[in-house]
Amino acid sequence: MLFAFALAYGPLTIVATEGIAEEEQGLAGGLLHTAFQFGAALGLSAVTAVSVAATHTETPAALLDGYRAGLLVPFAVAVVAAAGRRRQAGTLAS
């Protein structure tokens, strides 16, 4: 996962700043990295909230259940994002 993020930042920056005037490149890059940071903070807080809410005791089994519930959050976000991309691609083709 660490390498996936590292490999994604470069192409995402290129796509986000493509077509932007040269004098606006700094603003576009700043907005992009602000969005990265905000998204990471929001995602981490959502995963933590679900994980803590699903963990009722401090037994190893309960902690594992909490971790499993917390990991459903990024999975659900990925499914929704993939469905949105698929729907968007379908409307562009027609």
Foldseek 3Di string as FASTA:
>chain_A
DVVVVVVPVVVVLCVQQPPPDPVCSVVSVVVVVVVVVVVVVVLVVQLVVQLVVQQDDPDPVSNVRSNVRSVVVVVVVVVVVVVVVVVVVVVVVD
